[in-house]
Amino acid sequence: MTDYCPFQMLTAAEVCCKLGNASFSPKDSTGKWACGGCRVPRVMANRPCVYIEPVKCFTLRGQSITYFRCSILGIVMDEPETLCPLCADCEPP
């Protein structure tokens, strides 16, 4: 597993990603496609704007897609740290 994630729920037998609506074993959670490579905790800890919403989709077993959506401008981006500080509508938390 990775840093603290507000979307992660641990049970005795599995790790649940509330963001991606998926469950997997603790061993699988260490994979880069799951919690081990997820950048959501890092971005949310340094959240550049209150309008940023993380999105994580588990497409197939062993694959996932992560991106961030700006709820005010309706755009999606890979890394909000590069765009959000330049945005006139940016509101830090």
Protein backbone atom coordinates (compact mmCIF):
# COMPACT_ATOMS: atom_id res chain seq x y z
CA MET A 1 0.00 0.00 0.00
CA THR A 2 0.97 3.62 -0.25
CA ASP A 3 0.63 6.86 1.72
CA TYR A 4 -2.58 7.64 3.55
CA CYS A 5 -5.46 7.66 1.10
CA PRO A 6 -8.85 9.07 2.08
CA PHE A 7 -10.47 6.72 -0.45
CA GLN A 8 -8.93 3.50 0.88
CA MET A 9 -10.78 1.21 3.28
CA LEU A 10 -9.02 -1.75 4.85
CA THR A 11 -10.79 -4.86 6.08
CA ALA A 12 -9.39 -8.10 7.47
CA ALA A 13 -9.24 -9.78 4.07
CA GLU A 14 -9.20 -7.03 1.44
CA VAL A 15 -8.36 -3.49 0.47
CA CYS A 16 -11.24 -1.44 -0.92
CA CYS A 17 -10.76 1.58 -3.17
CA LYS A 18 -13.88 3.69 -2.68
CA LEU A 19 -12.79 6.04 -5.45
CA GLY A 20 -12.61 3.30 -8.07
CA ASN A 21 -15.28 1.09 -6.48
CA ALA A 22 -12.96 -1.93 -6.42
CA SER A 23 -11.69 -4.48 -3.93
CA PHE A 24 -8.51 -6.51 -4.07
CA SER A 25 -6.23 -8.56 -1.84
CA PRO A 26 -3.58 -6.86 0.31
CA LYS A 27 -0.93 -8.43 -1.97
CA ASP A 28 -2.59 -7.02 -5.12
CA SER A 29 -2.89 -3.59 -3.49
CA THR A 30 0.89 -3.17 -3.62
CA GLY A 31 0.89 -3.32 -7.43
CA LYS A 32 1.47 -0.18 -9.49
CA TRP A 33 -2.01 -0.57 -11.04
CA ALA A 34 -3.64 -0.41 -7.60
CA CYS A 35 -2.53 1.44 -4.45
CA GLY A 36 1.22 1.04 -4.95
CA GLY A 37 1.35 3.34 -7.96
CA CYS A 38 -1.61 5.59 -7.24
CA ARG A 39 -0.86 9.32 -7.31
CA VAL A 40 -4.19 10.37 -5.77
CA PRO A 41 -2.86 10.49 -2.15
CA ARG A 42 0.07 12.71 -3.20
CA VAL A 43 -2.08 15.11 -5.21
CA MET A 44 -4.79 15.29 -2.56
CA ALA A 45 -2.23 15.98 0.17
CA ASN A 46 -0.90 18.94 -1.88
CA ARG A 47 -4.29 19.82 -3.32
CA PRO A 48 -3.84 22.83 -5.57
CA CYS A 49 -7.55 23.78 -5.75
CA VAL A 50 -10.89 22.94 -4.11
CA TYR A 51 -12.42 22.19 -7.53
CA ILE A 52 -10.13 19.22 -8.26
CA GLU A 53 -11.82 15.81 -8.15
CA PRO A 54 -9.81 12.60 -8.51
CA VAL A 55 -11.16 9.84 -10.76
CA LYS A 56 -9.91 6.25 -10.78
CA CYS A 57 -11.28 3.53 -13.05
CA PHE A 58 -10.27 -0.11 -12.84
CA THR A 59 -10.73 -1.16 -16.47
CA LEU A 60 -9.57 -4.77 -16.33
CA ARG A 61 -7.92 -6.91 -13.69
CA GLY A 62 -4.43 -5.50 -13.28
CA GLN A 63 -5.14 -2.20 -15.05
CA SER A 64 -6.37 1.18 -13.92
CA ILE A 65 -6.70 4.74 -15.18
CA THR A 66 -6.30 7.76 -12.90
CA TYR A 67 -7.01 11.37 -13.80
CA PHE A 68 -8.28 14.56 -12.21
CA ARG A 69 -11.33 16.60 -13.16
CA CYS A 70 -11.89 20.32 -12.61
CA SER A 71 -15.52 20.64 -11.58
CA ILE A 72 -15.72 24.37 -12.34
CA LEU A 73 -14.13 24.35 -15.82
CA GLY A 74 -15.18 20.85 -16.86
CA ILE A 75 -11.70 19.75 -17.96
CA VAL A 76 -9.68 16.64 -17.17
CA MET A 77 -5.93 16.45 -16.60
CA ASP A 78 -3.22 13.99 -15.63
CA GLU A 79 -1.38 16.25 -13.19
CA PRO A 80 -3.29 19.22 -11.74
CA GLU A 81 -0.14 20.70 -10.17
CA THR A 82 0.95 21.94 -13.59
CA LEU A 83 -2.30 23.62 -14.64
CA CYS A 84 -4.13 24.65 -11.45
CA PRO A 85 -1.63 27.21 -10.13
CA LEU A 86 -1.95 29.10 -13.44
CA CYS A 87 -5.77 29.12 -13.36
CA ALA A 88 -7.61 32.37 -12.55
CA ASP A 89 -10.42 30.36 -10.89
CA CYS A 90 -8.05 28.42 -8.61
CA GLU A 91 -9.14 28.42 -4.97
CA PRO A 92 -6.63 26.85 -2.59
CA PRO A 93 -8.18 24.79 0.22
